[in-house]
Amino acid sequence: MLLRPAEPADAVAVARVHVYSWQVAYRDLLPAEYLNQLNPEDRAQRYDFSHQDSHKPYTIVAAEGSEIYGFATTAPSRDSDLPQHGELQALYVDPEHWGCRIGAALIAASRARLVQQGFRSALLWLLVGNRRAARFYEIDQWHPDGQQRSDTIWGITIEEVRYCTELDRNER
């Protein structure tokens, strides 16, 4: 498996992972009719993997040949109260490959990318009730900081909790 920057040609494959992950991971957390109508081709149109600007989201994919098994997106924090933090905006692995250490590889690469950009701390937002992801992040030393929010993603309102971590100096 190769970790590499996402390319414009990866958009539909990344969107397939994104949509399928939502449909499996969130089946008990979001309405079924909503999850069933998600469409990778529609989602792919929202991605822009053509830039390398350090102030824009940056996506890393876990790939083998033309197959994309997972992806992670990092960027500077969007939270006004944590402007010096980096942000893990997304990390999704094809559910058929959960437990294969792809998520661990992606989070390590994401941490390294944020450190490379000069961040010492990072945040992420997690869907309330997503116990599997919470366990994954807590193993990687992320912790809830007490902040919660309502957000609208893909046209549905969700409740999220914020997690933060210190980035290890060994990753520099």
Protein backbone atom coordinates (compact mmCIF):
# COMPACT_ATOMS: atom_id res chain seq x y z
CA MET A 1 0.00 0.00 0.00
CA LEU A 2 1.24 3.45 -0.92
CA LEU A 3 0.40 6.71 0.85
CA ARG A 4 0.49 9.63 -1.59
CA PRO A 5 -1.10 13.02 -2.20
CA ALA A 6 -4.54 12.82 -3.78
CA GLU A 7 -4.69 13.71 -7.45
CA PRO A 8 -7.63 15.11 -9.45
CA ALA A 9 -8.18 11.67 -11.04
CA ASP A 10 -8.77 10.21 -7.54
CA ALA A 11 -11.92 12.23 -6.85
CA VAL A 12 -14.53 9.55 -7.63
CA ALA A 13 -12.58 6.79 -5.85
CA VAL A 14 -12.13 8.99 -2.76
CA ALA A 15 -15.83 9.87 -2.87
CA ARG A 16 -16.74 6.17 -3.00
CA VAL A 17 -14.73 5.55 0.17
CA HIS A 18 -16.26 8.64 1.79
CA VAL A 19 -19.86 7.71 0.99
CA TYR A 20 -19.53 4.00 1.78
CA SER A 21 -17.80 4.80 5.09
CA TRP A 22 -20.64 7.12 6.05
CA GLN A 23 -23.24 4.53 5.07
CA VAL A 24 -21.65 1.84 7.24
CA ALA A 25 -20.23 3.83 10.17
CA TYR A 26 -23.22 6.14 10.61
CA ARG A 27 -26.08 3.72 9.91
CA ASP A 28 -27.28 3.92 13.52
CA LEU A 29 -26.46 7.62 13.90
CA LEU A 30 -28.05 9.24 10.84
CA PRO A 31 -31.36 8.60 9.03
CA ALA A 32 -31.22 5.59 6.68
CA GLU A 33 -33.06 7.43 3.91
CA TYR A 34 -30.42 10.14 4.03
CA LEU A 35 -27.49 7.70 3.95
CA ASN A 36 -29.05 5.64 1.14
CA GLN A 37 -29.32 8.65 -1.16
CA LEU A 38 -25.65 9.66 -0.87
CA ASN A 39 -23.97 9.50 -4.27
CA PRO A 40 -20.19 9.29 -4.82
CA GLU A 41 -20.37 11.03 -8.20
CA ASP A 42 -22.12 14.03 -6.62
CA ARG A 43 -19.63 14.11 -3.74
CA ALA A 44 -16.61 13.89 -6.10
CA GLN A 45 -17.56 17.23 -7.65
CA ARG A 46 -16.82 18.94 -4.31
CA TYR A 47 -13.18 17.81 -4.15
CA ASP A 48 -10.27 19.85 -5.43
CA PHE A 49 -7.04 17.86 -5.39
CA SER A 50 -5.27 20.12 -7.89
CA HIS A 51 -3.53 22.52 -5.49
CA GLN A 52 -0.63 22.31 -3.07
CA ASP A 53 -1.38 25.53 -1.14
CA SER A 54 -0.47 25.06 2.54
CA HIS A 55 -3.51 27.11 3.59
CA LYS A 56 -5.97 24.81 1.82
CA PRO A 57 -7.06 21.27 2.68
CA TYR A 58 -4.52 18.61 1.72
CA THR A 59 -5.60 15.03 1.13
CA ILE A 60 -3.46 11.91 1.39
CA VAL A 61 -4.77 8.63 -0.05
CA ALA A 62 -3.92 5.04 0.83
CA ALA A 63 -3.74 3.34 -2.55
CA GLU A 64 -2.74 0.11 -4.16
CA GLY A 65 -2.59 0.48 -7.91
CA SER A 66 -5.74 2.32 -8.95
CA GLU A 67 -7.65 1.26 -5.80
CA ILE A 68 -8.15 3.84 -3.05
CA TYR A 69 -8.63 2.21 0.37
CA GLY A 70 -8.76 5.33 2.50
CA PHE A 71 -7.93 9.01 2.76
CA ALA A 72 -7.19 11.75 5.26
CA THR A 73 -7.52 15.50 4.83
CA THR A 74 -5.62 18.06 6.90
CA ALA A 75 -5.60 21.86 6.94
CA PRO A 76 -5.04 24.78 9.27
CA SER A 77 -7.73 25.01 11.95
CA ARG A 78 -11.07 26.52 10.98
CA ASP A 79 -11.89 27.11 14.67
CA SER A 80 -11.41 30.75 15.69
CA ASP A 81 -10.61 29.77 19.29
CA LEU A 82 -7.75 27.47 18.20
CA PRO A 83 -6.08 29.40 15.34
CA GLN A 84 -2.63 27.90 15.96
CA HIS A 85 -3.85 24.31 15.62
CA GLY A 86 -3.84 22.09 12.58
CA GLU A 87 -7.04 20.22 11.79
CA LEU A 88 -7.75 16.67 10.74
CA GLN A 89 -10.81 17.44 8.62
CA ALA A 90 -11.48 13.89 7.45
CA LEU A 91 -10.17 10.36 7.84
CA TYR A 92 -12.10 7.53 6.23
CA VAL A 93 -11.20 3.96 5.32
CA ASP A 94 -13.23 1.64 3.12
CA PRO A 95 -15.18 -0.50 5.63
CA GLU A 96 -14.05 -3.63 3.77
CA HIS A 97 -10.52 -2.75 4.96
CA TRP A 98 -11.20 -1.73 8.56
CA GLY A 99 -8.76 -3.38 10.93
CA CYS A 100 -5.97 -3.54 8.31
CA ARG A 101 -3.96 -0.63 9.82
CA ILE A 102 -4.82 1.73 6.97
CA GLY A 103 -6.35 4.24 9.40
CA ALA A 104 -3.23 4.07 11.58
CA ALA A 105 -1.01 4.77 8.56
CA LEU A 106 -3.21 7.67 7.46
CA ILE A 107 -3.31 9.28 10.90
CA ALA A 108 0.46 8.99 11.24
CA ALA A 109 0.91 10.63 7.82
CA SER A 110 -1.60 13.34 8.78
CA ARG A 111 0.25 14.09 12.01
CA ALA A 112 3.53 14.28 10.08
CA ARG A 113 1.99 16.62 7.51
CA LEU A 114 0.68 18.96 10.22
CA VAL A 115 4.02 18.98 12.02
CA GLN A 116 5.75 19.71 8.70
CA GLN A 117 3.46 22.73 8.38
CA GLY A 118 4.62 23.94 11.80
CA PHE A 119 1.66 22.93 13.95
CA ARG A 120 2.26 21.62 17.48
CA SER A 121 -1.39 20.81 18.25
CA ALA A 122 -4.33 19.55 16.23
CA LEU A 123 -8.08 19.22 16.44
CA LEU A 124 -10.82 17.21 14.80
CA TRP A 125 -14.60 17.09 15.01
CA LEU A 126 -16.29 13.73 15.65
CA LEU A 127 -19.93 12.78 15.18
CA VAL A 128 -21.53 12.31 18.60
CA GLY A 129 -22.15 8.60 19.20
CA ASN A 130 -19.43 7.39 16.82
CA ARG A 131 -17.84 5.08 19.37
CA ARG A 132 -15.64 3.20 16.91
CA ALA A 133 -13.95 6.42 15.75
CA ALA A 134 -13.73 7.78 19.30
CA ARG A 135 -11.88 4.63 20.38
CA PHE A 136 -9.54 4.91 17.36
CA TYR A 137 -8.67 8.54 18.10
CA GLU A 138 -8.30 7.99 21.84
CA ILE A 139 -5.77 5.21 21.17
CA ASP A 140 -3.87 7.81 19.09
CA GLN A 141 -3.91 10.23 22.08
CA TRP A 142 -6.74 12.52 20.97
CA HIS A 143 -9.06 13.67 23.76
CA PRO A 144 -12.39 15.54 23.86
CA ASP A 145 -11.86 19.13 24.97
CA GLY A 146 -15.46 19.78 26.04
CA GLN A 147 -16.54 21.72 22.94
CA GLN A 148 -19.62 20.60 20.99
CA ARG A 149 -21.38 22.03 17.95
CA SER A 150 -24.21 21.52 15.55
CA ASP A 151 -23.07 21.48 11.95
CA THR A 152 -24.71 20.99 8.58
CA ILE A 153 -22.89 18.53 6.34
CA TRP A 154 -24.23 17.22 3.05
CA GLY A 155 -27.56 18.89 3.88
CA ILE A 156 -28.17 17.27 7.28
CA THR A 157 -27.66 18.73 10.76
CA ILE A 158 -25.36 16.71 12.98
CA GLU A 159 -23.97 17.02 16.51
CA GLU A 160 -20.22 16.86 16.92
CA VAL A 161 -17.67 16.88 19.74
CA ARG A 162 -14.19 18.34 19.36
CA TYR A 163 -11.07 16.28 20.05
CA CYS A 164 -7.55 17.72 20.40
CA THR A 165 -4.03 16.33 20.59
CA GLU A 166 -0.49 17.50 20.95
CA LEU A 167 1.64 16.60 17.97
CA ASP A 168 4.77 14.67 18.84
CA ARG A 169 8.09 16.41 18.24
CA ASN A 170 9.47 13.11 16.94
CA GLU A 171 7.21 13.53 13.91
CA ARG A 172 9.11 16.63 12.74
